[in-house]
C-alpha atoms as a PDB file:
ATOM      1  CA  MET A   1     -47.092  24.048   0.271  1.00  0.00           C
ATOM      2  CA  ASP A   2     -45.511  27.473  -0.173  1.00  0.00           C
ATOM      3  CA  THR A   3     -42.615  27.012  -2.606  1.00  0.00           C
ATOM      4  CA  LEU A   4     -40.355  29.413  -0.743  1.00  0.00           C
ATOM      5  CA  GLU A   5     -40.747  27.459   2.499  1.00  0.00           C
ATOM      6  CA  LEU A   6     -40.277  24.193   0.600  1.00  0.00           C
ATOM      7  CA  LEU A   7     -36.958  25.383  -0.819  1.00  0.00           C
ATOM      8  CA  LYS A   8     -35.790  26.471   2.629  1.00  0.00           C
ATOM      9  CA  LYS A   9     -36.401  22.928   3.870  1.00  0.00           C
ATOM     10  CA  MET A  10     -34.640  21.316   0.935  1.00  0.00           C
ATOM     11  CA  CYS A  11     -31.588  23.558   0.512  1.00  0.00           C
ATOM     12  CA  THR A  12     -29.689  22.203   3.488  1.00  0.00           C
ATOM     13  CA  ASP A  13     -26.071  21.283   4.135  1.00  0.00           C
ATOM     14  CA  ASP A  14     -26.956  17.625   3.585  1.00  0.00           C
ATOM     15  CA  GLY A  15     -27.078  15.440   0.514  1.00  0.00           C
ATOM     16  CA  VAL A  16     -23.683  15.656  -1.190  1.00  0.00           C
ATOM     17  CA  SER A  17     -23.575  13.086  -3.991  1.00  0.00           C
ATOM     18  CA  GLY A  18     -23.556   9.627  -2.422  1.00  0.00           C
ATOM     19  CA  ARG A  19     -25.094  10.850   0.866  1.00  0.00           C
ATOM     20  CA  GLU A  20     -28.614  11.787  -0.298  1.00  0.00           C
ATOM     21  CA  SER A  21     -30.656   9.612   2.066  1.00  0.00           C
ATOM     22  CA  GLU A  22     -30.485  12.253   4.796  1.00  0.00           C
ATOM     23  CA  LEU A  23     -33.113  14.209   2.839  1.00  0.00           C
ATOM     24  CA  HIS A  24     -35.622  11.385   2.328  1.00  0.00           C
ATOM     25  CA  SER A  25     -37.535  11.997   5.539  1.00  0.00           C
ATOM     26  CA  ALA A  26     -38.151  15.662   4.705  1.00  0.00           C
ATOM     27  CA  ILE A  27     -39.764  14.774   1.361  1.00  0.00           C
ATOM     28  CA  CYS A  28     -41.867  11.974   2.852  1.00  0.00           C
ATOM     29  CA  GLU A  29     -43.024  14.249   5.662  1.00  0.00           C
ATOM     30  CA  ILE A  30     -44.148  16.953   3.225  1.00  0.00           C
ATOM     31  CA  LEU A  31     -46.054  14.557   0.962  1.00  0.00           C
ATOM     32  CA  GLY A  32     -47.512  12.518   3.824  1.00  0.00           C
ATOM     33  CA  GLU A  33     -50.082   9.947   2.742  1.00  0.00           C
ATOM     34  CA  THR A  34     -50.284  11.400  -0.769  1.00  0.00           C
ATOM     35  CA  ALA A  35     -48.168   8.564  -2.156  1.00  0.00           C
ATOM     36  CA  GLN A  36     -46.254   5.347  -1.511  1.00  0.00           C
ATOM     37  CA  TYR A  37     -42.530   5.404  -0.836  1.00  0.00           C
ATOM     38  CA  SER A  38     -39.563   3.158  -1.449  1.00  0.00           C
ATOM     39  CA  THR A  39     -35.817   3.655  -1.313  1.00  0.00           C
ATOM     40  CA  MET A  40     -32.925   2.219  -3.256  1.00  0.00           C
ATOM     41  CA  SER A  41     -29.628   1.039  -1.812  1.00  0.00           C
ATOM     42  CA  ASN A  42     -27.730   3.725  -3.740  1.00  0.00           C
ATOM     43  CA  GLY A  43     -29.681   6.589  -2.139  1.00  0.00           C
ATOM     44  CA  SER A  44     -32.576   7.310  -4.509  1.00  0.00           C
ATOM     45  CA  LEU A  45     -36.111   7.863  -3.197  1.00  0.00           C
ATOM     46  CA  ILE A  46     -39.113   6.709  -5.271  1.00  0.00           C
ATOM     47  CA  VAL A  47     -42.543   8.230  -4.664  1.00  0.00           C
ATOM     48  CA  SER A  48     -45.381   6.395  -6.434  1.00  0.00           C
ATOM     49  CA  MET A  49     -48.867   7.657  -7.314  1.00  0.00           C
ATOM     50  CA  GLY A  50     -51.721   6.158  -9.320  1.00  0.00           C
ATOM     51  CA  SER A  51     -52.573   2.521  -9.876  1.00  0.00           C
ATOM     52  CA  THR A  52     -49.698   0.122 -10.487  1.00  0.00           C
ATOM     53  CA  TYR A  53     -52.121  -1.782 -12.737  1.00  0.00           C
ATOM     54  CA  SER A  54     -52.297   1.119 -15.160  1.00  0.00           C
ATOM     55  CA  LYS A  55     -51.223   0.327 -18.713  1.00  0.00           C
ATOM     56  CA  HIS A  56     -48.973   3.389 -18.885  1.00  0.00           C
ATOM     57  CA  HIS A  57     -46.160   4.299 -16.497  1.00  0.00           C
ATOM     58  CA  ILE A  58     -44.452   7.722 -16.405  1.00  0.00           C
ATOM     59  CA  MET A  59     -41.206   8.329 -14.516  1.00  0.00           C
ATOM     60  CA  ILE A  60     -40.466  11.903 -13.420  1.00  0.00           C
ATOM     61  CA  ASP A  61     -36.854  12.360 -12.286  1.00  0.00           C
ATOM     62  CA  ALA A  62     -34.968  15.111 -10.456  1.00  0.00           C
ATOM     63  CA  HIS A  63     -31.586  14.499  -8.897  1.00  0.00           C
ATOM     64  CA  LEU A  64     -31.441  14.997  -5.159  1.00  0.00           C
ATOM     65  CA  ASP A  65     -27.690  15.208  -4.698  1.00  0.00           C
ATOM     66  CA  ARG A  66     -25.643  18.374  -4.550  1.00  0.00           C
ATOM     67  CA  ILE A  67     -22.019  19.188  -5.258  1.00  0.00           C
ATOM     68  CA  GLY A  68     -19.550  19.397  -2.413  1.00  0.00           C
ATOM     69  CA  LEU A  69     -16.181  18.106  -1.252  1.00  0.00           C
ATOM     70  CA  THR A  70     -14.843  14.972   0.405  1.00  0.00           C
ATOM     71  CA  VAL A  71     -12.008  14.670   2.922  1.00  0.00           C
ATOM     72  CA  THR A  72      -9.059  12.785   1.399  1.00  0.00           C
ATOM     73  CA  TYR A  73      -6.266  13.373   3.930  1.00  0.00           C
ATOM     74  CA  ILE A  74      -5.667  14.766   7.425  1.00  0.00           C
ATOM     75  CA  ASP A  75      -2.161  16.096   8.058  1.00  0.00           C
ATOM     76  CA  GLU A  76      -0.228  16.095  11.321  1.00  0.00           C
ATOM     77  CA  ARG A  77      -1.426  19.641  12.150  1.00  0.00           C
ATOM     78  CA  GLY A  78      -5.095  18.738  11.737  1.00  0.00           C
ATOM     79  CA  PHE A  79      -5.587  20.467   8.379  1.00  0.00           C
ATOM     80  CA  LEU A  80      -7.989  18.644   6.061  1.00  0.00           C
ATOM     81  CA  LYS A  81      -7.227  18.053   2.426  1.00  0.00           C
ATOM     82  CA  ALA A  82     -10.329  17.728   0.239  1.00  0.00           C
ATOM     83  CA  GLU A  83     -11.284  17.213  -3.368  1.00  0.00           C
ATOM     84  CA  PRO A  84     -14.478  18.086  -5.237  1.00  0.00           C
ATOM     85  CA  VAL A  85     -17.499  15.820  -5.443  1.00  0.00           C
ATOM     86  CA  GLY A  86     -19.046  16.928  -8.730  1.00  0.00           C
ATOM     87  CA  GLY A  87     -18.134  19.993 -10.773  1.00  0.00           C
ATOM     88  CA  ILE A  88     -17.869  22.610  -8.045  1.00  0.00           C
ATOM     89  CA  ASP A  89     -16.692  26.036  -9.248  1.00  0.00           C
ATOM     90  CA  LEU A  90     -13.181  26.215  -7.794  1.00  0.00           C
ATOM     91  CA  ARG A  91     -13.047  29.978  -8.394  1.00  0.00           C
ATOM     92  CA  SER A  92     -15.627  30.502  -5.654  1.00  0.00           C
ATOM     93  CA  LEU A  93     -13.868  28.468  -2.955  1.00  0.00           C
ATOM     94  CA  PRO A  94     -10.834  30.346  -1.495  1.00  0.00           C
ATOM     95  CA  GLY A  95     -11.718  31.833   1.890  1.00  0.00           C
ATOM     96  CA  SER A  96     -15.169  30.234   1.918  1.00  0.00           C
ATOM     97  CA  ALA A  97     -16.701  28.913   5.129  1.00  0.00           C
ATOM     98  CA  VAL A  98     -17.573  25.220   5.026  1.00  0.00           C
ATOM     99  CA  THR A  99     -19.375  22.591   7.083  1.00  0.00           C
ATOM    100  CA  VAL A 100     -17.496  19.330   7.634  1.00  0.00           C
ATOM    101  CA  CYS A 101     -19.955  16.485   8.207  1.00  0.00           C
ATOM    102  CA  GLY A 102     -18.020  14.191  10.521  1.00  0.00           C
ATOM    103  CA  LYS A 103     -19.244  12.456  13.672  1.00  0.00           C
ATOM    104  CA  GLU A 104     -20.619  15.925  14.354  1.00  0.00           C
ATOM    105  CA  LYS A 105     -20.827  18.940  12.079  1.00  0.00           C
ATOM    106  CA  ILE A 106     -17.952  21.367  12.491  1.00  0.00           C
ATOM    107  CA  LEU A 107     -17.132  24.631  10.770  1.00  0.00           C
ATOM    108  CA  GLY A 108     -14.033  25.336   8.772  1.00  0.00           C
ATOM    109  CA  VAL A 109     -12.549  27.709   6.211  1.00  0.00           C
ATOM    110  CA  ILE A 110     -10.938  26.858   2.889  1.00  0.00           C
ATOM    111  CA  CYS A 111      -7.393  28.146   3.108  1.00  0.00           C
ATOM    112  CA  SER A 112      -6.486  31.098   0.909  1.00  0.00           C
ATOM    113  CA  VAL A 113      -2.961  32.431   0.459  1.00  0.00           C
ATOM    114  CA  PRO A 114      -3.067  36.261   0.418  1.00  0.00           C
ATOM    115  CA  PRO A 115      -2.844  37.738  -3.098  1.00  0.00           C
ATOM    116  CA  HIS A 116       0.254  39.690  -2.032  1.00  0.00           C
ATOM    117  CA  LEU A 117       2.132  36.367  -1.824  1.00  0.00           C
ATOM    118  CA  THR A 118       0.888  34.630  -4.959  1.00  0.00           C
ATOM    119  CA  ASP A 119       1.430  34.976  -8.661  1.00  0.00           C
ATOM    120  CA  LYS A 120      -1.243  36.982 -10.446  1.00  0.00           C
ATOM    121  CA  ASP A 121      -2.541  33.955 -12.375  1.00  0.00           C
ATOM    122  CA  GLU A 122      -2.201  31.409  -9.583  1.00  0.00           C
ATOM    123  CA  ALA A 123      -5.524  29.680  -8.894  1.00  0.00           C
ATOM    124  CA  LEU A 124      -6.912  26.993  -6.644  1.00  0.00           C
ATOM    125  CA  THR A 125      -6.858  23.521  -8.198  1.00  0.00           C
ATOM    126  CA  ARG A 126      -8.648  20.339  -7.211  1.00  0.00           C
ATOM    127  CA  ASP A 127      -5.310  19.016  -5.888  1.00  0.00           C
ATOM    128  CA  ASN A 128      -4.565  21.791  -3.384  1.00  0.00           C
ATOM    129  CA  ILE A 129      -7.789  22.375  -1.425  1.00  0.00           C
ATOM    130  CA  TRP A 130      -7.057  22.612   2.309  1.00  0.00           C
ATOM    131  CA  ILE A 131      -9.493  23.276   5.134  1.00  0.00           C
ATOM    132  CA  ASP A 132      -8.649  24.847   8.500  1.00  0.00           C
ATOM    133  CA  THR A 133     -11.122  24.045  11.292  1.00  0.00           C
ATOM    134  CA  GLY A 134      -9.149  25.823  14.014  1.00  0.00           C
ATOM    135  CA  LEU A 135      -9.214  22.634  16.100  1.00  0.00           C
ATOM    136  CA  SER A 136      -6.240  20.696  17.402  1.00  0.00           C
ATOM    137  CA  SER A 137      -5.010  17.715  15.441  1.00  0.00           C
ATOM    138  CA  GLU A 138      -6.228  15.376  18.181  1.00  0.00           C
ATOM    139  CA  LYS A 139      -9.734  16.841  18.160  1.00  0.00           C
ATOM    140  CA  VAL A 140      -9.937  16.771  14.368  1.00  0.00           C
ATOM    141  CA  HIS A 141      -9.012  13.071  14.333  1.00  0.00           C
ATOM    142  CA  GLU A 142     -11.734  12.373  16.901  1.00  0.00           C
ATOM    143  CA  ILE A 143     -14.440  13.932  14.740  1.00  0.00           C
ATOM    144  CA  VAL A 144     -13.377  13.639  11.096  1.00  0.00           C
ATOM    145  CA  SER A 145     -12.703  10.536   8.990  1.00  0.00           C
ATOM    146  CA  LEU A 146     -11.561  10.090   5.423  1.00  0.00           C
ATOM    147  CA  GLY A 147     -14.538  10.236   3.069  1.00  0.00           C
ATOM    148  CA  ASP A 148     -16.575  12.608   5.230  1.00  0.00           C
ATOM    149  CA  THR A 149     -18.402  15.162   3.105  1.00  0.00           C
ATOM    150  CA  VAL A 150     -17.926  18.919   3.141  1.00  0.00           C
ATOM    151  CA  THR A 151     -20.371  21.585   1.965  1.00  0.00           C
ATOM    152  CA  VAL A 152     -19.727  25.261   1.319  1.00  0.00           C
ATOM    153  CA  LYS A 153     -21.860  27.324   3.700  1.00  0.00           C
ATOM    154  CA  SER A 154     -24.512  29.502   2.149  1.00  0.00           C
ATOM    155  CA  THR A 155     -27.236  31.799   3.460  1.00  0.00           C
ATOM    156  CA  PHE A 156     -30.728  31.489   1.980  1.00  0.00           C
ATOM    157  CA  ARG A 157     -31.485  34.908   0.493  1.00  0.00           C
ATOM    158  CA  GLU A 158     -34.835  36.158  -0.727  1.00  0.00           C
ATOM    159  CA  LEU A 159     -34.246  38.605  -3.559  1.00  0.00           C
ATOM    160  CA  LEU A 160     -36.403  41.063  -5.462  1.00  0.00           C
ATOM    161  CA  GLY A 161     -38.453  39.816  -8.384  1.00  0.00           C
ATOM    162  CA  ASN A 162     -39.562  36.555  -6.744  1.00  0.00           C
ATOM    163  CA  LYS A 163     -36.022  35.170  -6.812  1.00  0.00           C
ATOM    164  CA  VAL A 164     -33.887  33.332  -4.265  1.00  0.00           C
ATOM    165  CA  ALA A 165     -30.152  32.676  -4.005  1.00  0.00           C
ATOM    166  CA  VAL A 166     -28.497  29.832  -2.100  1.00  0.00           C
ATOM    167  CA  SER A 167     -26.355  26.779  -2.765  1.00  0.00           C
ATOM    168  CA  ALA A 168     -27.858  23.387  -3.735  1.00  0.00           C
ATOM    169  CA  LEU A 169     -30.601  24.838  -5.961  1.00  0.00           C
ATOM    170  CA  ASP A 170     -28.994  22.484  -8.476  1.00  0.00           C
ATOM    171  CA  ASN A 171     -31.067  20.449  -8.186  1.00  0.00           C
ATOM    172  CA  ARG A 172     -33.237  21.035  -5.109  1.00  0.00           C
ATOM    173  CA  ALA A 173     -35.187  23.458  -7.330  1.00  0.00           C
ATOM    174  CA  GLY A 174     -36.065  20.515  -9.572  1.00  0.00           C
ATOM    175  CA  CYS A 175     -36.924  18.372  -6.553  1.00  0.00           C
ATOM    176  CA  ALA A 176     -39.212  21.122  -5.288  1.00  0.00           C
ATOM    177  CA  ALA A 177     -41.003  21.088  -8.661  1.00  0.00           C
ATOM    178  CA  LEU A 178     -41.603  17.337  -8.290  1.00  0.00           C
ATOM    179  CA  VAL A 179     -42.967  17.787  -4.759  1.00  0.00           C
ATOM    180  CA  GLN A 180     -45.293  20.566  -5.897  1.00  0.00           C
ATOM    181  CA  CYS A 181     -46.440  18.459  -8.842  1.00  0.00           C
ATOM    182  CA  ALA A 182     -47.273  15.550  -6.515  1.00  0.00           C
ATOM    183  CA  LEU A 183     -49.235  17.911  -4.276  1.00  0.00           C
ATOM    184  CA  LEU A 184     -51.185  19.227  -7.287  1.00  0.00           C
ATOM    185  CA  LEU A 185     -52.153  15.643  -8.153  1.00  0.00           C
ATOM    186  CA  LYS A 186     -52.907  14.327  -4.671  1.00  0.00           C
ATOM    187  CA  ASP A 187     -56.723  14.470  -4.881  1.00  0.00           C
ATOM    188  CA  LYS A 188     -57.025  13.517  -8.549  1.00  0.00           C
ATOM    189  CA  GLU A 189     -57.769  10.192 -10.223  1.00  0.00           C
ATOM    190  CA  LEU A 190     -54.705   9.678 -12.380  1.00  0.00           C
ATOM    191  CA  PRO A 191     -54.944   8.168 -15.872  1.00  0.00           C
ATOM    192  CA  CYS A 192     -51.567   6.460 -15.454  1.00  0.00           C
ATOM    193  CA  HIS A 193     -49.063   5.225 -12.907  1.00  0.00           C
ATOM    194  CA  VAL A 194     -46.462   7.829 -11.929  1.00  0.00           C
ATOM    195  CA  SER A 195     -43.103   7.352 -10.216  1.00  0.00           C
ATOM    196  CA  PHE A 196     -41.381  10.476  -8.924  1.00  0.00           C
ATOM    197  CA  VAL A 197     -37.686   9.628  -8.599  1.00  0.00           C
ATOM    198  CA  PHE A 198     -35.490  11.803  -6.387  1.00  0.00           C
ATOM    199  CA  SER A 199     -32.308  10.302  -7.743  1.00  0.00           C
ATOM    200  CA  SER A 200     -28.833  10.008  -6.285  1.00  0.00           C
ATOM    201  CA  GLN A 201     -25.351  10.693  -7.632  1.00  0.00           C
ATOM    202  CA  GLU A 202     -26.180  12.713 -10.747  1.00  0.00           C
ATOM    203  CA  GLU A 203     -23.274  15.048 -10.075  1.00  0.00           C
ATOM    204  CA  THR A 204     -20.819  12.140 -10.136  1.00  0.00           C
ATOM    205  CA  ASN A 205     -22.031   9.403 -12.506  1.00  0.00           C
ATOM    206  CA  GLU A 206     -25.842   9.579 -12.893  1.00  0.00           C
ATOM    207  CA  SER A 207     -26.110   6.132 -11.298  1.00  0.00           C
ATOM    208  CA  GLY A 208     -29.260   6.870  -9.274  1.00  0.00           C
ATOM    209  CA  ALA A 209     -31.411   7.635 -12.305  1.00  0.00           C
ATOM    210  CA  LYS A 210     -29.968   4.786 -14.373  1.00  0.00           C
ATOM    211  CA  THR A 211     -30.644   2.147 -11.729  1.00  0.00           C
ATOM    212  CA  ALA A 212     -34.096   3.557 -10.912  1.00  0.00           C
ATOM    213  CA  ALA A 213     -35.046   3.473 -14.591  1.00  0.00           C
ATOM    214  CA  PHE A 214     -33.851  -0.137 -14.825  1.00  0.00           C
ATOM    215  CA  LEU A 215     -35.922  -1.082 -11.780  1.00  0.00           C
ATOM    216  CA  LEU A 216     -39.090   0.783 -12.781  1.00  0.00           C
ATOM    217  CA  ASP A 217     -38.918   0.147 -16.548  1.00  0.00           C
ATOM    218  CA  PRO A 218     -41.329   3.026 -17.321  1.00  0.00           C
ATOM    219  CA  ASP A 219     -42.937   3.688 -20.690  1.00  0.00           C
ATOM    220  CA  GLU A 220     -41.601   7.242 -20.708  1.00  0.00           C
ATOM    221  CA  ALA A 221     -39.644   9.620 -18.509  1.00  0.00           C
ATOM    222  CA  ILE A 222     -39.276  13.342 -17.943  1.00  0.00           C
ATOM    223  CA  VAL A 223     -36.136  14.701 -16.317  1.00  0.00           C
ATOM    224  CA  VAL A 224     -36.310  17.984 -14.390  1.00  0.00           C
ATOM    225  CA  ASP A 225     -33.045  19.816 -13.777  1.00  0.00           C
ATOM    226  CA  VAL A 226     -31.703  23.353 -13.783  1.00  0.00           C
ATOM    227  CA  GLY A 227     -30.420  25.024 -16.950  1.00  0.00           C
ATOM    228  CA  PHE A 228     -28.380  28.132 -17.659  1.00  0.00           C
ATOM    229  CA  ALA A 229     -30.238  31.408 -17.185  1.00  0.00           C
ATOM    230  CA  LYS A 230     -29.501  34.228 -19.606  1.00  0.00           C
ATOM    231  CA  GLN A 231     -26.683  36.475 -18.419  1.00  0.00           C
ATOM    232  CA  ASP A 232     -23.448  37.964 -19.719  1.00  0.00           C
ATOM    233  CA  GLY A 233     -21.077  35.239 -20.872  1.00  0.00           C
ATOM    234  CA  VAL A 234     -23.787  32.616 -21.454  1.00  0.00           C
ATOM    235  CA  LEU A 235     -24.769  31.714 -25.009  1.00  0.00           C
ATOM    236  CA  ALA A 236     -28.239  33.006 -25.830  1.00  0.00           C
ATOM    237  CA  GLU A 237     -29.161  29.803 -27.650  1.00  0.00           C
ATOM    238  CA  LYS A 238     -28.109  27.653 -24.679  1.00  0.00           C
ATOM    239  CA  SER A 239     -29.993  29.542 -21.968  1.00  0.00           C
ATOM    240  CA  GLY A 240     -33.439  30.581 -20.791  1.00  0.00           C
ATOM    241  CA  SER A 241     -34.894  33.759 -19.300  1.00  0.00           C
ATOM    242  CA  PHE A 242     -36.200  33.995 -15.769  1.00  0.00           C
ATOM    243  CA  GLY A 243     -39.972  33.789 -16.085  1.00  0.00           C
ATOM    244  CA  SER A 244     -39.835  30.779 -18.408  1.00  0.00           C
ATOM    245  CA  VAL A 245     -39.231  27.033 -18.463  1.00  0.00           C
ATOM    246  CA  ILE A 246     -36.493  25.595 -20.692  1.00  0.00           C
ATOM    247  CA  VAL A 247     -37.443  22.667 -22.943  1.00  0.00           C
ATOM    248  CA  SER A 248     -34.554  20.579 -24.288  1.00  0.00           C
ATOM    249  CA  ILE A 249     -34.464  19.358 -27.883  1.00  0.00           C
ATOM    250  CA  ALA A 250     -31.897  16.689 -28.713  1.00  0.00           C
ATOM    251  CA  PRO A 251     -31.464  13.461 -30.715  1.00  0.00           C
ATOM    252  CA  VAL A 252     -31.358  11.429 -27.500  1.00  0.00           C
ATOM    253  CA  LEU A 253     -34.817  12.710 -26.527  1.00  0.00           C
ATOM    254  CA  SER A 254     -38.229  11.600 -27.763  1.00  0.00           C
ATOM    255  CA  LYS A 255     -39.820  14.035 -30.207  1.00  0.00           C
ATOM    256  CA  LYS A 256     -43.274  12.905 -29.028  1.00  0.00           C
ATOM    257  CA  VAL A 257     -42.504  13.672 -25.362  1.00  0.00           C
ATOM    258  CA  THR A 258     -40.820  16.976 -26.220  1.00  0.00           C
ATOM    259  CA  ASN A 259     -43.680  18.175 -28.419  1.00  0.00           C
ATOM    260  CA  LEU A 260     -46.294  17.219 -25.837  1.00  0.00           C
ATOM    261  CA  LEU A 261     -44.383  19.184 -23.178  1.00  0.00           C
ATOM    262  CA  ILE A 262     -44.308  22.215 -25.472  1.00  0.00           C
ATOM    263  CA  ASP A 263     -48.007  21.899 -26.291  1.00  0.00           C
ATOM    264  CA  THR A 264     -48.883  21.537 -22.601  1.00  0.00           C
ATOM    265  CA  ALA A 265     -46.910  24.667 -21.701  1.00  0.00           C
ATOM    266  CA  LYS A 266     -48.660  26.606 -24.469  1.00  0.00           C
ATOM    267  CA  GLU A 267     -52.086  25.496 -23.225  1.00  0.00           C
ATOM    268  CA  LEU A 268     -51.163  26.769 -19.756  1.00  0.00           C
ATOM    269  CA  ASP A 269     -49.786  30.020 -21.230  1.00  0.00           C
ATOM    270  CA  ILE A 270     -46.389  29.334 -19.662  1.00  0.00           C
ATOM    271  CA  PRO A 271     -43.465  30.848 -21.649  1.00  0.00           C
ATOM    272  CA  CYS A 272     -40.834  28.415 -22.917  1.00  0.00           C
ATOM    273  CA  ASN A 273     -37.254  28.854 -24.019  1.00  0.00           C
ATOM    274  CA  PHE A 274     -35.381  26.086 -25.791  1.00  0.00           C
ATOM    275  CA  GLU A 275     -31.989  24.438 -25.484  1.00  0.00           C
ATOM    276  CA  THR A 276     -31.067  22.476 -28.589  1.00  0.00           C
ATOM    277  CA  ASP A 277     -28.189  19.990 -28.463  1.00  0.00           C
ATOM    278  CA  GLY A 278     -26.660  17.944 -31.260  1.00  0.00           C
ATOM    279  CA  SER A 279     -26.251  14.765 -29.232  1.00  0.00           C
ATOM    280  CA  THR A 280     -26.857  14.362 -25.491  1.00  0.00           C
ATOM    281  CA  THR A 281     -28.328  16.715 -22.882  1.00  0.00           C
ATOM    282  CA  GLY A 282     -25.921  16.601 -19.935  1.00  0.00           C
ATOM    283  CA  THR A 283     -28.786  15.421 -17.706  1.00  0.00           C
ATOM    284  CA  ASN A 284     -30.065  12.124 -16.328  1.00  0.00           C
ATOM    285  CA  ALA A 285     -32.069  11.710 -19.538  1.00  0.00           C
ATOM    286  CA  ASP A 286     -28.905  10.565 -21.303  1.00  0.00           C
ATOM    287  CA  GLY A 287     -28.699   7.455 -19.126  1.00  0.00           C
ATOM    288  CA  ILE A 288     -32.431   6.845 -18.751  1.00  0.00           C
ATOM    289  CA  SER A 289     -33.035   6.932 -22.515  1.00  0.00           C
ATOM    290  CA  VAL A 290     -30.729   3.940 -23.130  1.00  0.00           C
ATOM    291  CA  THR A 291     -31.934   1.804 -20.212  1.00  0.00           C
ATOM    292  CA  LYS A 292     -33.107  -1.704 -21.133  1.00  0.00           C
ATOM    293  CA  SER A 293     -34.681  -1.497 -24.603  1.00  0.00           C
ATOM    294  CA  GLY A 294     -34.820   2.314 -24.481  1.00  0.00           C
ATOM    295  CA  ILE A 295     -37.149   4.794 -22.744  1.00  0.00           C
ATOM    296  CA  SER A 296     -38.777   7.804 -24.415  1.00  0.00           C
ATOM    297  CA  CYS A 297     -37.501  10.898 -22.576  1.00  0.00           C
ATOM    298  CA  GLY A 298     -38.045  14.633 -22.312  1.00  0.00           C
ATOM    299  CA  VAL A 299     -36.252  17.317 -20.303  1.00  0.00           C
ATOM    300  CA  LEU A 300     -37.554  20.433 -18.547  1.00  0.00           C
ATOM    301  CA  SER A 301     -35.059  22.829 -16.972  1.00  0.00           C
ATOM    302  CA  ILE A 302     -35.461  25.678 -14.501  1.00  0.00           C
ATOM    303  CA  PRO A 303     -33.290  28.697 -15.437  1.00  0.00           C
ATOM    304  CA  GLU A 304     -30.487  29.250 -12.923  1.00  0.00           C
ATOM    305  CA  LYS A 305     -27.671  31.775 -12.573  1.00  0.00           C
ATOM    306  CA  ASN A 306     -24.304  31.163 -10.880  1.00  0.00           C
ATOM    307  CA  MET A 307     -24.507  27.384 -11.276  1.00  0.00           C
ATOM    308  CA  HIS A 308     -22.291  25.262  -9.001  1.00  0.00           C
ATOM    309  CA  THR A 309     -21.514  28.118  -6.610  1.00  0.00           C
ATOM    310  CA  GLN A 310     -22.843  29.018  -3.155  1.00  0.00           C
ATOM    311  CA  THR A 311     -25.104  31.717  -4.636  1.00  0.00           C
ATOM    312  CA  GLU A 312     -27.113  29.816  -7.229  1.00  0.00           C
ATOM    313  CA  MET A 313     -30.184  31.846  -8.200  1.00  0.00           C
ATOM    314  CA  VAL A 314     -33.640  30.834  -9.495  1.00  0.00           C
ATOM    315  CA  CYS A 315     -37.080  32.378  -9.828  1.00  0.00           C
ATOM    316  CA  ILE A 316     -39.776  30.834  -7.613  1.00  0.00           C
ATOM    317  CA  SER A 317     -42.455  31.094 -10.305  1.00  0.00           C
ATOM    318  CA  ASP A 318     -40.337  28.996 -12.701  1.00  0.00           C
ATOM    319  CA  ILE A 319     -40.391  26.119 -10.214  1.00  0.00           C
ATOM    320  CA  GLU A 320     -44.155  26.442  -9.823  1.00  0.00           C
ATOM    321  CA  ASN A 321     -44.706  26.608 -13.579  1.00  0.00           C
ATOM    322  CA  THR A 322     -42.577  23.498 -14.078  1.00  0.00           C
ATOM    323  CA  ALA A 323     -44.804  21.688 -11.568  1.00  0.00           C
ATOM    324  CA  LYS A 324     -47.935  22.848 -13.411  1.00  0.00           C
ATOM    325  CA  ILE A 325     -46.637  21.586 -16.763  1.00  0.00           C
ATOM    326  CA  LEU A 326     -45.766  18.210 -15.242  1.00  0.00           C
ATOM    327  CA  ALA A 327     -49.148  17.857 -13.538  1.00  0.00           C
ATOM    328  CA  ALA A 328     -51.073  18.736 -16.718  1.00  0.00           C
ATOM    329  CA  TYR A 329     -48.882  16.394 -18.776  1.00  0.00           C
ATOM    330  CA  ILE A 330     -49.565  13.531 -16.374  1.00  0.00           C
ATOM    331  CA  MET A 331     -53.298  14.203 -16.386  1.00  0.00           C
ATOM    332  CA  LYS A 332     -53.202  13.843 -20.177  1.00  0.00           C
ATOM    333  CA  GLY A 333     -51.734  10.382 -19.708  1.00  0.00           C
ATOM    334  CA  GLY A 334     -48.454  11.265 -21.401  1.00  0.00           C
ATOM    335  CA  ILE A 335     -47.677  10.074 -24.902  1.00  0.00           C
ATOM    336  CA  ALA A 336     -49.957   7.037 -24.508  1.00  0.00           C
ATOM    337  CA  ASN A 337     -52.778   9.240 -25.757  1.00  0.00           C
ATOM    338  CA  VAL A 338     -50.855  10.999 -28.546  1.00  0.00           C
END
């Protein structure tokens, strides 16, 4: 499937952390009879390929949830108070249009006091986010309930240089790589059993990946997420260029898995950048690696600019190259044959 069209389908207003199941049907529809499907009670989707009798089992994870807001209070005028779900960039919120996902979806705007009336250094905090829907208090109470999710509206933009900008690319870009990988493998006889996990709640507590890893008990796992793209203000050694895939190196990760990912990328002539950490990775691999008796993990990241805003930016070819590395890695049988 064309990666651009795939991203358009996946970067929707749905799927704030804890409400991911709304996206399951889109993934299952795209993959069709390529695989077998199962869901978990906490919102993760598991797509299985290859024989379950295989001696080696690889888990490939990408978190399906996105950052957003949740309604915490409705005042007597019908204004909605909200707080972040995940690490949303508060600097990008004042004056932004939002979608409130109540009994029906309604539009709103995050209130912004004019700069003429505020102190120079005054900024929005997680405790003073208010949303104006323009509706009467009675109508708001009919449609909206406490705990309803809110997403910041964003327009899907195709940019020069094979790039796109829109919200939710963290981590729908990673999910797209998993879908493309599954499509690359659909007509092949796999040397191992593979479970693609579109996991829930990474942005809040990584519970989807942890519970999926406990259930599946794989021999190894690869986590696909987004990483920081090189730009002003981002450390060169903690970022990757567009036109590459970022490979993580960290004590929590398996050296065997990491080296095989690097070797596979080299064989495919796909450029790699590296992110080296002294402890954990800040991805689902941190939880997966300590599940049960421990799971050998690796991490691939897709370079992204403007993370956790409504204009996240990635390069389409980086998603496709990530899928190619994963597919080739799986066809090698993972570290079972190293």
